[in-house]
Amino acid sequence: MNITRIGIVTAVGAAAVAIGAGIATAQPDDGEGTPITGEALTKASQAALAFTGGGTVTGTEVGDEESLYEVEVTLADGSQTDVQLDENFVLVGSKTDGPGTDTEPDAPGN
């Protein structure tokens, strides 16, 4: 990871703490998509966390089959919500899985 990426990740993390929400290193949750980066990551994360009422961003993807942006949020109870956003970071759909029900190929037990 180069210095520029470290700086971007640190800045995004600091901004998230400042608004009271945690943002994990954003990686696609299925190993096939492209993660959201830069200002789009900040905006998408904020929109997703506002929709879920909190939690931690645990995965992101640009160009998901259901929307332009997909943000995976893990809530305190362990459930995960995939938040689908359009190009203006407006909610277009969501799906919530209970704790321990991640069905992605990289999920434990899959």
N, C-alpha and C. Protein backbone atom coordinates (compact mmCIF):
# COMPACT_ATOMS: atom_id res chain seq x y z
N MET A 1 0.86 -1.17 0.00
CA MET A 1 0.00 0.00 0.00
C MET A 1 0.90 1.23 0.00
N ASN A 2 0.68 2.13 -0.91
CA ASN A 2 1.55 3.30 -0.97
C ASN A 2 1.10 4.38 0.00
N ILE A 3 1.94 5.38 0.18
CA ILE A 3 1.68 6.45 1.14
C ILE A 3 0.39 7.19 0.82
N THR A 4 0.09 7.43 -0.44
CA THR A 4 -1.13 8.14 -0.82
C THR A 4 -2.36 7.37 -0.37
N ARG A 5 -2.38 6.07 -0.60
CA ARG A 5 -3.53 5.26 -0.17
C ARG A 5 -3.66 5.26 1.34
N ILE A 6 -2.55 5.18 2.04
CA ILE A 6 -2.61 5.21 3.50
C ILE A 6 -3.21 6.52 3.97
N GLY A 7 -2.80 7.62 3.33
CA GLY A 7 -3.35 8.93 3.68
C GLY A 7 -4.84 9.02 3.42
N ILE A 8 -5.29 8.48 2.31
CA ILE A 8 -6.72 8.50 1.98
C ILE A 8 -7.51 7.67 2.98
N VAL A 9 -7.03 6.46 3.26
CA VAL A 9 -7.73 5.59 4.21
C VAL A 9 -7.78 6.25 5.59
N THR A 10 -6.68 6.87 6.01
CA THR A 10 -6.64 7.54 7.31
C THR A 10 -7.62 8.70 7.35
N ALA A 11 -7.66 9.50 6.28
CA ALA A 11 -8.57 10.64 6.23
C ALA A 11 -10.03 10.20 6.28
N VAL A 12 -10.35 9.16 5.54
CA VAL A 12 -11.73 8.64 5.53
C VAL A 12 -12.09 8.13 6.92
N GLY A 13 -11.18 7.40 7.54
CA GLY A 13 -11.43 6.88 8.88
C GLY A 13 -11.63 7.99 9.89
N ALA A 14 -10.81 9.02 9.80
CA ALA A 14 -10.94 10.15 10.72
C ALA A 14 -12.28 10.87 10.53
N ALA A 15 -12.69 11.02 9.30
CA ALA A 15 -13.98 11.66 9.03
C ALA A 15 -15.12 10.84 9.60
N ALA A 16 -15.02 9.54 9.49
CA ALA A 16 -16.07 8.67 10.01
C ALA A 16 -16.16 8.76 11.52
N VAL A 17 -15.02 8.79 12.19
CA VAL A 17 -15.02 8.92 13.64
C VAL A 17 -15.64 10.25 14.05
N ALA A 18 -15.32 11.28 13.28
CA ALA A 18 -15.85 12.61 13.58
C ALA A 18 -17.37 12.65 13.51
N ILE A 19 -17.98 11.84 12.65
CA ILE A 19 -19.44 11.84 12.56
C ILE A 19 -20.04 10.71 13.41
N GLY A 20 -19.20 10.03 14.17
CA GLY A 20 -19.71 9.03 15.09
C GLY A 20 -19.97 7.67 14.48
N ALA A 21 -19.36 7.37 13.34
CA ALA A 21 -19.57 6.07 12.69
C ALA A 21 -18.23 5.50 12.30
N GLY A 22 -18.08 4.19 12.42
CA GLY A 22 -16.83 3.54 12.04
C GLY A 22 -16.87 3.11 10.60
N ILE A 23 -15.75 3.31 9.91
CA ILE A 23 -15.63 2.84 8.54
C ILE A 23 -14.42 1.93 8.48
N ALA A 24 -14.64 0.67 8.14
CA ALA A 24 -13.54 -0.27 7.98
C ALA A 24 -12.91 -0.08 6.62
N THR A 25 -11.76 -0.68 6.42
CA THR A 25 -11.15 -0.64 5.10
C THR A 25 -12.15 -1.21 4.12
N ALA A 26 -12.53 -0.45 3.15
CA ALA A 26 -13.60 -0.84 2.24
C ALA A 26 -13.05 -1.76 1.15
N GLN A 27 -13.49 -2.97 1.18
CA GLN A 27 -13.12 -3.96 0.19
C GLN A 27 -14.39 -4.60 -0.33
N PRO A 28 -14.41 -5.05 -1.55
CA PRO A 28 -15.60 -5.74 -2.04
C PRO A 28 -15.80 -7.00 -1.23
N ASP A 29 -17.06 -7.34 -0.92
CA ASP A 29 -17.31 -8.48 -0.05
C ASP A 29 -17.31 -9.81 -0.78
N ASP A 30 -17.27 -9.82 -2.09
CA ASP A 30 -17.27 -11.10 -2.81
C ASP A 30 -15.99 -11.34 -3.59
N GLY A 31 -15.01 -10.45 -3.46
CA GLY A 31 -13.73 -10.64 -4.12
C GLY A 31 -13.76 -10.39 -5.62
N GLU A 32 -14.88 -10.00 -6.20
CA GLU A 32 -14.98 -9.82 -7.63
C GLU A 32 -15.21 -8.38 -8.05
N GLY A 33 -15.74 -7.54 -7.18
CA GLY A 33 -16.09 -6.18 -7.56
C GLY A 33 -14.96 -5.20 -7.30
N THR A 34 -15.20 -3.97 -7.70
CA THR A 34 -14.26 -2.89 -7.49
C THR A 34 -14.72 -2.08 -6.29
N PRO A 35 -13.85 -1.89 -5.30
CA PRO A 35 -14.26 -1.12 -4.12
C PRO A 35 -14.49 0.34 -4.44
N ILE A 36 -15.36 0.98 -3.71
CA ILE A 36 -15.59 2.42 -3.82
C ILE A 36 -14.38 3.11 -3.20
N THR A 37 -13.95 4.22 -3.80
CA THR A 37 -12.80 4.94 -3.29
C THR A 37 -13.08 6.44 -3.23
N GLY A 38 -12.19 7.16 -2.58
CA GLY A 38 -12.20 8.62 -2.56
C GLY A 38 -13.46 9.22 -1.96
N GLU A 39 -13.87 10.35 -2.52
CA GLU A 39 -15.04 11.08 -2.03
C GLU A 39 -16.31 10.25 -2.15
N ALA A 40 -16.40 9.42 -3.19
CA ALA A 40 -17.57 8.55 -3.35
C ALA A 40 -17.69 7.58 -2.18
N LEU A 41 -16.56 7.08 -1.67
CA LEU A 41 -16.58 6.19 -0.52
C LEU A 41 -17.15 6.90 0.70
N THR A 42 -16.71 8.12 0.92
CA THR A 42 -17.20 8.89 2.06
C THR A 42 -18.70 9.12 1.95
N LYS A 43 -19.17 9.57 0.78
CA LYS A 43 -20.59 9.86 0.59
C LYS A 43 -21.44 8.59 0.67
N ALA A 44 -20.99 7.52 0.04
CA ALA A 44 -21.75 6.28 0.06
C ALA A 44 -21.81 5.72 1.47
N SER A 45 -20.71 5.78 2.20
CA SER A 45 -20.68 5.28 3.57
C SER A 45 -21.62 6.08 4.46
N GLN A 46 -21.58 7.40 4.34
CA GLN A 46 -22.47 8.25 5.13
C GLN A 46 -23.94 7.95 4.83
N ALA A 47 -24.28 7.79 3.56
CA ALA A 47 -25.67 7.50 3.17
C ALA A 47 -26.11 6.15 3.72
N ALA A 48 -25.24 5.15 3.61
CA ALA A 48 -25.59 3.81 4.09
C ALA A 48 -25.75 3.80 5.60
N LEU A 49 -24.83 4.45 6.32
CA LEU A 49 -24.92 4.48 7.79
C LEU A 49 -26.12 5.28 8.26
N ALA A 50 -26.49 6.33 7.52
CA ALA A 50 -27.70 7.08 7.87
C ALA A 50 -28.93 6.19 7.70
N PHE A 51 -28.95 5.38 6.64
CA PHE A 51 -30.08 4.48 6.40
C PHE A 51 -30.17 3.42 7.49
N THR A 52 -29.04 2.81 7.86
CA THR A 52 -29.06 1.72 8.84
C THR A 52 -29.11 2.22 10.28
N GLY A 53 -28.85 3.50 10.49
CA GLY A 53 -28.86 4.03 11.84
C GLY A 53 -27.58 3.71 12.61
N GLY A 54 -26.51 3.41 11.90
CA GLY A 54 -25.23 3.10 12.54
C GLY A 54 -24.66 1.81 12.02
N GLY A 55 -23.62 1.34 12.69
CA GLY A 55 -22.95 0.13 12.27
C GLY A 55 -21.58 0.45 11.72
N THR A 56 -20.97 -0.54 11.06
CA THR A 56 -19.64 -0.40 10.49
C THR A 56 -19.67 -0.83 9.04
N VAL A 57 -19.10 -0.01 8.17
CA VAL A 57 -19.00 -0.38 6.77
C VAL A 57 -17.95 -1.48 6.65
N THR A 58 -18.37 -2.63 6.14
CA THR A 58 -17.46 -3.78 6.04
C THR A 58 -17.18 -4.21 4.61
N GLY A 59 -17.79 -3.55 3.64
CA GLY A 59 -17.51 -3.85 2.24
C GLY A 59 -18.20 -2.85 1.34
N THR A 60 -17.60 -2.60 0.19
CA THR A 60 -18.20 -1.70 -0.80
C THR A 60 -17.93 -2.22 -2.19
N GLU A 61 -18.76 -1.77 -3.12
CA GLU A 61 -18.58 -2.17 -4.52
C GLU A 61 -19.17 -1.12 -5.44
N VAL A 62 -18.43 -0.79 -6.49
CA VAL A 62 -18.93 0.10 -7.55
C VAL A 62 -19.42 -0.79 -8.68
N GLY A 63 -20.56 -0.43 -9.26
CA GLY A 63 -21.06 -1.17 -10.41
C GLY A 63 -21.66 -2.50 -10.04
N ASP A 64 -22.23 -2.59 -8.86
CA ASP A 64 -22.92 -3.80 -8.44
C ASP A 64 -24.06 -4.08 -9.41
N GLU A 65 -24.47 -5.33 -9.52
CA GLU A 65 -25.52 -5.68 -10.48
C GLU A 65 -26.87 -5.04 -10.15
N GLU A 66 -27.05 -4.59 -8.91
CA GLU A 66 -28.34 -4.01 -8.51
C GLU A 66 -28.34 -2.49 -8.44
N SER A 67 -27.17 -1.86 -8.44
CA SER A 67 -27.09 -0.41 -8.32
C SER A 67 -25.68 0.06 -8.67
N LEU A 68 -25.49 1.37 -8.70
CA LEU A 68 -24.14 1.87 -8.95
C LEU A 68 -23.22 1.58 -7.77
N TYR A 69 -23.72 1.83 -6.56
CA TYR A 69 -22.92 1.62 -5.36
C TYR A 69 -23.61 0.62 -4.43
N GLU A 70 -22.83 -0.30 -3.88
CA GLU A 70 -23.34 -1.18 -2.83
C GLU A 70 -22.42 -1.01 -1.62
N VAL A 71 -23.04 -0.79 -0.46
CA VAL A 71 -22.30 -0.66 0.78
C VAL A 71 -22.83 -1.70 1.75
N GLU A 72 -21.93 -2.56 2.24
CA GLU A 72 -22.31 -3.56 3.23
C GLU A 72 -22.04 -2.98 4.61
N VAL A 73 -23.07 -2.96 5.46
CA VAL A 73 -22.96 -2.44 6.82
C VAL A 73 -23.23 -3.59 7.79
N THR A 74 -22.31 -3.79 8.73
CA THR A 74 -22.52 -4.78 9.78
C THR A 74 -22.98 -4.03 11.03
N LEU A 75 -24.12 -4.47 11.55
CA LEU A 75 -24.71 -3.82 12.72
C LEU A 75 -24.20 -4.46 14.01
N ALA A 76 -24.46 -3.82 15.13
CA ALA A 76 -23.97 -4.28 16.42
C ALA A 76 -24.43 -5.70 16.75
N ASP A 77 -25.59 -6.11 16.26
CA ASP A 77 -26.10 -7.46 16.55
C ASP A 77 -25.50 -8.52 15.62
N GLY A 78 -24.61 -8.10 14.72
CA GLY A 78 -23.97 -9.03 13.79
C GLY A 78 -24.69 -9.19 12.47
N SER A 79 -25.87 -8.62 12.33
CA SER A 79 -26.58 -8.70 11.05
C SER A 79 -25.88 -7.78 10.05
N GLN A 80 -26.07 -8.09 8.77
CA GLN A 80 -25.46 -7.30 7.71
C GLN A 80 -26.53 -6.80 6.76
N THR A 81 -26.42 -5.52 6.41
CA THR A 81 -27.34 -4.92 5.45
C THR A 81 -26.55 -4.45 4.25
N ASP A 82 -26.97 -4.92 3.07
CA ASP A 82 -26.40 -4.42 1.81
C ASP A 82 -27.28 -3.27 1.36
N VAL A 83 -26.70 -2.08 1.31
CA VAL A 83 -27.42 -0.87 0.95
C VAL A 83 -27.07 -0.52 -0.49
N GLN A 84 -28.07 -0.41 -1.34
CA GLN A 84 -27.90 -0.11 -2.75
C GLN A 84 -28.18 1.38 -2.97
N LEU A 85 -27.23 2.07 -3.62
CA LEU A 85 -27.34 3.51 -3.85
C LEU A 85 -27.16 3.85 -5.33
N ASP A 86 -27.85 4.91 -5.78
CA ASP A 86 -27.68 5.35 -7.17
C ASP A 86 -26.52 6.33 -7.27
N GLU A 87 -26.34 6.94 -8.44
CA GLU A 87 -25.21 7.84 -8.68
C GLU A 87 -25.25 9.09 -7.82
N ASN A 88 -26.42 9.40 -7.23
CA ASN A 88 -26.55 10.56 -6.34
C ASN A 88 -26.56 10.15 -4.87
N PHE A 89 -26.18 8.89 -4.61
CA PHE A 89 -26.11 8.34 -3.26
C PHE A 89 -27.48 8.29 -2.59
N VAL A 90 -28.50 8.07 -3.41
CA VAL A 90 -29.88 7.93 -2.94
C VAL A 90 -30.20 6.44 -2.88
N LEU A 91 -30.85 6.02 -1.81
CA LEU A 91 -31.21 4.62 -1.61
C LEU A 91 -32.10 4.11 -2.72
N VAL A 92 -31.73 2.96 -3.29
CA VAL A 92 -32.58 2.31 -4.30
C VAL A 92 -32.98 0.91 -3.86
N GLY A 93 -32.44 0.44 -2.74
CA GLY A 93 -32.81 -0.87 -2.23
C GLY A 93 -31.88 -1.30 -1.11
N SER A 94 -32.29 -2.34 -0.41
CA SER A 94 -31.46 -2.90 0.66
C SER A 94 -31.88 -4.33 0.93
N LYS A 95 -30.96 -5.07 1.54
CA LYS A 95 -31.23 -6.44 1.93
C LYS A 95 -30.48 -6.69 3.23
N THR A 96 -31.18 -7.24 4.23
CA THR A 96 -30.55 -7.51 5.51
C THR A 96 -30.53 -9.01 5.77
N ASP A 97 -29.36 -9.50 6.17
CA ASP A 97 -29.19 -10.89 6.57
C ASP A 97 -28.90 -10.91 8.06
N GLY A 98 -29.48 -11.89 8.76
CA GLY A 98 -29.27 -12.02 10.19
C GLY A 98 -27.83 -12.38 10.52
N PRO A 99 -27.49 -12.34 11.80
CA PRO A 99 -26.13 -12.68 12.22
C PRO A 99 -25.73 -14.07 11.74
N GLY A 100 -24.52 -14.18 11.18
CA GLY A 100 -24.00 -15.48 10.77
C GLY A 100 -24.59 -16.05 9.50
N THR A 101 -25.32 -15.24 8.72
CA THR A 101 -25.94 -15.76 7.50
C THR A 101 -25.33 -15.22 6.23
N ASP A 102 -24.09 -14.72 6.31
CA ASP A 102 -23.40 -14.21 5.11
C ASP A 102 -23.26 -15.35 4.11
N THR A 103 -23.80 -15.17 2.91
CA THR A 103 -23.77 -16.22 1.90
C THR A 103 -22.76 -15.95 0.79
N GLU A 104 -21.92 -14.93 0.97
CA GLU A 104 -20.91 -14.62 -0.04
C GLU A 104 -19.88 -15.75 -0.08
N PRO A 105 -19.22 -15.93 -1.23
CA PRO A 105 -18.26 -17.02 -1.38
C PRO A 105 -17.13 -17.02 -0.36
N ASP A 106 -16.75 -15.82 0.17
CA ASP A 106 -15.65 -15.77 1.12
C ASP A 106 -16.12 -15.85 2.56
N ALA A 107 -17.41 -16.06 2.78
CA ALA A 107 -17.95 -16.13 4.13
C ALA A 107 -17.44 -17.39 4.84
N PRO A 108 -17.25 -17.29 6.16
CA PRO A 108 -16.82 -18.47 6.91
C PRO A 108 -17.80 -19.63 6.69
N GLY A 109 -17.28 -20.78 6.44
CA GLY A 109 -18.12 -21.96 6.26
C GLY A 109 -18.58 -22.19 4.84
N ASN A 110 -18.24 -21.26 3.91
CA ASN A 110 -18.65 -21.41 2.52
C ASN A 110 -17.51 -21.88 1.67
